[in-house]
Every structure is written in structure tokens, then in C-alpha cells.
């Protein structure tokens, strides 16, 4: 079992805020996928998770609900924890680079506050 952590800055937790802004059915689907990540980690595999190309350690949790697609960007911290950084509703074929940049910036900010880390 893995630990799920949520990126927090100045009292705000962007992924939690994103989830709360969705309908109850979508919230349930997103939370179920997070539970799967917590249970299986990186062995969850596709179609649930995918490494973001061109990044060293950024992953996406891929959630499909009806015709909607959602992504939660995260990374593996200390081998047994996942830090959820950023969430979006995917509206185009490719993930917009600005969304990846937001996740990478949060990853960098998170790691600045940690002395020792192991990211996969």
C-alpha cells in the first residue's frame, strides 16, 4: 500500500479543490482511481497511469468518465509515496504544455522543501 499526498501551497490544495468542483459521480470516479494508485502504485499500468514523455519523473493518472477525460499529474516520492500535483479536465488530444509546466513547477517547489528524496 502506498501513501497518497496532496501538494499544498499557502493553505491551498489544488487537486482537492479540483475534485470538489466536479459532480458527485465524477468525484467518485476520480477518488476510485486514486485508490487504485494507492493500492497498486506504478504497477497499476496502462490505461490508468502513464509517464509524461520528456520529463524525468512526472506521471499522469488517467481517468475516463463517460465522454470526459481527466488527468492528475503526480510523482513518486521516497518510493512509497505519491504526491498529487495538478489536475485537469482534458479537452484536446494532447495535454497542453502549460498544464505540464504547472505540474513541473509544483514538483520543483515541493522538492525544494525536502532535503532527501528519491523520485522515480
C-alpha atoms as a PDB file:
ATOM      1  CA  UNK A   1       0.000   0.000   0.000  1.00  0.00           C
ATOM      2  CA  UNK A   2       1.315   3.400  -0.996  1.00  0.00           C
ATOM      3  CA  UNK A   3       0.715   6.744   0.677  1.00  0.00           C
ATOM      4  CA  UNK A   4      -1.055   9.491  -1.256  1.00  0.00           C
ATOM      5  CA  UNK A   5      -0.021  13.072  -0.516  1.00  0.00           C
ATOM      6  CA  UNK A   6      -1.501  16.237  -1.968  1.00  0.00           C
ATOM      7  CA  UNK A   7       0.633  19.192  -2.993  1.00  0.00           C
ATOM      8  CA  UNK A   8      -0.234  22.168  -0.795  1.00  0.00           C
ATOM      9  CA  UNK A   9       0.884  25.775  -1.118  1.00  0.00           C
ATOM     10  CA  UNK A  10      -0.230  28.635   1.110  1.00  0.00           C
ATOM     11  CA  UNK A  11      -3.064  26.570   2.535  1.00  0.00           C
ATOM     12  CA  UNK A  12      -4.423  25.594  -0.887  1.00  0.00           C
ATOM     13  CA  UNK A  13      -4.540  22.046  -2.170  1.00  0.00           C
ATOM     14  CA  UNK A  14      -5.146  22.338  -5.935  1.00  0.00           C
ATOM     15  CA  UNK A  15      -6.013  18.688  -6.636  1.00  0.00           C
ATOM     16  CA  UNK A  16      -8.511  18.528  -3.760  1.00  0.00           C
ATOM     17  CA  UNK A  17     -10.079  21.798  -4.932  1.00  0.00           C
ATOM     18  CA  UNK A  18     -10.341  20.412  -8.471  1.00  0.00           C
ATOM     19  CA  UNK A  19     -12.018  17.213  -7.266  1.00  0.00           C
ATOM     20  CA  UNK A  20     -14.503  19.120  -5.098  1.00  0.00           C
ATOM     21  CA  UNK A  21     -15.502  21.252  -8.103  1.00  0.00           C
ATOM     22  CA  UNK A  22     -16.701  18.163 -10.021  1.00  0.00           C
ATOM     23  CA  UNK A  23     -20.098  16.448  -9.882  1.00  0.00           C
ATOM     24  CA  UNK A  24     -20.534  13.701  -7.252  1.00  0.00           C
ATOM     25  CA  UNK A  25     -20.291  10.933  -9.899  1.00  0.00           C
ATOM     26  CA  UNK A  26     -17.065  12.347 -11.307  1.00  0.00           C
ATOM     27  CA  UNK A  27     -15.681  12.829  -7.801  1.00  0.00           C
ATOM     28  CA  UNK A  28     -16.371   9.160  -7.053  1.00  0.00           C
ATOM     29  CA  UNK A  29     -14.637   8.042 -10.258  1.00  0.00           C
ATOM     30  CA  UNK A  30     -11.568  10.215  -9.595  1.00  0.00           C
ATOM     31  CA  UNK A  31     -11.325   9.026  -5.983  1.00  0.00           C
ATOM     32  CA  UNK A  32     -11.619   5.399  -7.125  1.00  0.00           C
ATOM     33  CA  UNK A  33      -8.671   5.863  -9.486  1.00  0.00           C
ATOM     34  CA  UNK A  34      -6.648   7.480  -6.676  1.00  0.00           C
ATOM     35  CA  UNK A  35      -7.496   4.438  -4.508  1.00  0.00           C
ATOM     36  CA  UNK A  36      -6.177   2.160  -7.272  1.00  0.00           C
ATOM     37  CA  UNK A  37      -2.945   4.171  -7.419  1.00  0.00           C
ATOM     38  CA  UNK A  38      -2.648   3.885  -3.651  1.00  0.00           C
ATOM     39  CA  UNK A  39      -3.151   0.137  -3.776  1.00  0.00           C
ATOM     40  CA  UNK A  40      -1.059  -0.809  -6.825  1.00  0.00           C
ATOM     41  CA  UNK A  41       1.395   2.059  -7.315  1.00  0.00           C
ATOM     42  CA  UNK A  42       3.367   2.152 -10.551  1.00  0.00           C
ATOM     43  CA  UNK A  43       2.440  -1.461 -11.276  1.00  0.00           C
ATOM     44  CA  UNK A  44      -1.109  -0.220 -11.994  1.00  0.00           C
ATOM     45  CA  UNK A  45      -0.027   0.256 -15.610  1.00  0.00           C
ATOM     46  CA  UNK A  46      -1.943   1.488 -18.627  1.00  0.00           C
ATOM     47  CA  UNK A  47      -4.597   2.667 -19.204  1.00  0.00           C
ATOM     48  CA  UNK A  48      -4.621   4.010 -15.635  1.00  0.00           C
ATOM     49  CA  UNK A  49      -1.178   5.602 -15.466  1.00  0.00           C
ATOM     50  CA  UNK A  50       1.398   6.824 -17.929  1.00  0.00           C
ATOM     51  CA  UNK A  51       4.767   8.550 -17.645  1.00  0.00           C
ATOM     52  CA  UNK A  52       4.819  12.017 -19.172  1.00  0.00           C
ATOM     53  CA  UNK A  53       7.247  11.976 -22.099  1.00  0.00           C
ATOM     54  CA  UNK A  54      10.109  14.425 -21.900  1.00  0.00           C
ATOM     55  CA  UNK A  55      10.085  14.586 -18.101  1.00  0.00           C
ATOM     56  CA  UNK A  56      12.307  12.823 -15.618  1.00  0.00           C
ATOM     57  CA  UNK A  57       9.734  11.712 -13.063  1.00  0.00           C
ATOM     58  CA  UNK A  58       6.285  13.128 -13.823  1.00  0.00           C
ATOM     59  CA  UNK A  59       3.374  10.717 -14.286  1.00  0.00           C
ATOM     60  CA  UNK A  60      -0.308  11.095 -15.116  1.00  0.00           C
ATOM     61  CA  UNK A  61      -3.239   9.288 -13.552  1.00  0.00           C
ATOM     62  CA  UNK A  62      -5.682   8.859 -16.420  1.00  0.00           C
ATOM     63  CA  UNK A  63      -9.379   8.969 -15.577  1.00  0.00           C
ATOM     64  CA  UNK A  64     -12.209   8.434 -18.043  1.00  0.00           C
ATOM     65  CA  UNK A  65     -15.813   9.101 -17.084  1.00  0.00           C
ATOM     66  CA  UNK A  66     -18.358   8.817 -19.876  1.00  0.00           C
ATOM     67  CA  UNK A  67     -17.025  11.171 -22.574  1.00  0.00           C
ATOM     68  CA  UNK A  68     -14.879  13.193 -20.156  1.00  0.00           C
ATOM     69  CA  UNK A  69     -11.164  12.626 -19.618  1.00  0.00           C
ATOM     70  CA  UNK A  70      -9.308  13.852 -16.555  1.00  0.00           C
ATOM     71  CA  UNK A  71      -5.628  13.829 -15.677  1.00  0.00           C
ATOM     72  CA  UNK A  72      -3.913  14.094 -12.329  1.00  0.00           C
ATOM     73  CA  UNK A  73      -0.186  14.760 -12.534  1.00  0.00           C
ATOM     74  CA  UNK A  74       1.935  13.212  -9.801  1.00  0.00           C
ATOM     75  CA  UNK A  75       5.352  11.863  -8.943  1.00  0.00           C
ATOM     76  CA  UNK A  76       6.707   9.072  -6.779  1.00  0.00           C
ATOM     77  CA  UNK A  77       8.383  10.411  -3.647  1.00  0.00           C
ATOM     78  CA  UNK A  78      10.624   8.182  -1.479  1.00  0.00           C
ATOM     79  CA  UNK A  79       9.494   5.079  -3.351  1.00  0.00           C
ATOM     80  CA  UNK A  80       6.340   4.608  -1.258  1.00  0.00           C
ATOM     81  CA  UNK A  81       4.510   7.921  -1.564  1.00  0.00           C
ATOM     82  CA  UNK A  82       2.793   9.624  -4.461  1.00  0.00           C
ATOM     83  CA  UNK A  83       2.419  13.396  -4.458  1.00  0.00           C
ATOM     84  CA  UNK A  84      -0.566  14.603  -6.485  1.00  0.00           C
ATOM     85  CA  UNK A  85       0.410  17.944  -8.004  1.00  0.00           C
ATOM     86  CA  UNK A  86      -2.142  19.168 -10.540  1.00  0.00           C
ATOM     87  CA  UNK A  87      -5.452  18.066 -12.076  1.00  0.00           C
ATOM     88  CA  UNK A  88      -7.179  18.969 -15.334  1.00  0.00           C
ATOM     89  CA  UNK A  89     -10.120  18.049 -17.488  1.00  0.00           C
ATOM     90  CA  UNK A  90      -8.557  17.047 -20.776  1.00  0.00           C
ATOM     91  CA  UNK A  91     -10.276  18.714 -23.714  1.00  0.00           C
ATOM     92  CA  UNK A  92      -7.782  18.168 -26.544  1.00  0.00           C
ATOM     93  CA  UNK A  93      -5.867  15.235 -27.992  1.00  0.00           C
ATOM     94  CA  UNK A  94      -2.603  16.226 -26.361  1.00  0.00           C
ATOM     95  CA  UNK A  95      -2.115  17.570 -22.879  1.00  0.00           C
ATOM     96  CA  UNK A  96      -1.367  21.300 -23.146  1.00  0.00           C
ATOM     97  CA  UNK A  97       2.264  22.014 -22.275  1.00  0.00           C
ATOM     98  CA  UNK A  98       1.184  24.809 -19.906  1.00  0.00           C
ATOM     99  CA  UNK A  99      -0.541  22.172 -17.734  1.00  0.00           C
ATOM    100  CA  UNK A 100       2.609  20.028 -17.643  1.00  0.00           C
ATOM    101  CA  UNK A 101       4.615  23.157 -16.769  1.00  0.00           C
ATOM    102  CA  UNK A 102       2.320  23.852 -13.804  1.00  0.00           C
ATOM    103  CA  UNK A 103       2.851  20.310 -12.523  1.00  0.00           C
ATOM    104  CA  UNK A 104       6.634  20.537 -13.015  1.00  0.00           C
ATOM    105  CA  UNK A 105       6.759  23.859 -11.178  1.00  0.00           C
ATOM    106  CA  UNK A 106       4.856  22.355  -8.249  1.00  0.00           C
ATOM    107  CA  UNK A 107       7.114  19.303  -8.271  1.00  0.00           C
ATOM    108  CA  UNK A 108      10.167  21.581  -8.123  1.00  0.00           C
ATOM    109  CA  UNK A 109       8.638  23.663  -5.304  1.00  0.00           C
ATOM    110  CA  UNK A 110       7.822  20.514  -3.350  1.00  0.00           C
ATOM    111  CA  UNK A 111      11.336  19.138  -3.688  1.00  0.00           C
ATOM    112  CA  UNK A 112      12.928  22.455  -2.671  1.00  0.00           C
ATOM    113  CA  UNK A 113      11.432  21.909   0.776  1.00  0.00           C
ATOM    114  CA  UNK A 114      12.851  18.365   1.104  1.00  0.00           C
ATOM    115  CA  UNK A 115      16.442  17.503   1.915  1.00  0.00           C
ATOM    116  CA  UNK A 116      16.406  13.839   0.932  1.00  0.00           C
ATOM    117  CA  UNK A 117      14.202  12.384  -1.755  1.00  0.00           C
ATOM    118  CA  UNK A 118      14.073   9.560  -4.188  1.00  0.00           C
ATOM    119  CA  UNK A 119      11.886  10.195  -7.210  1.00  0.00           C
ATOM    120  CA  UNK A 120      11.223   7.505  -9.832  1.00  0.00           C
END
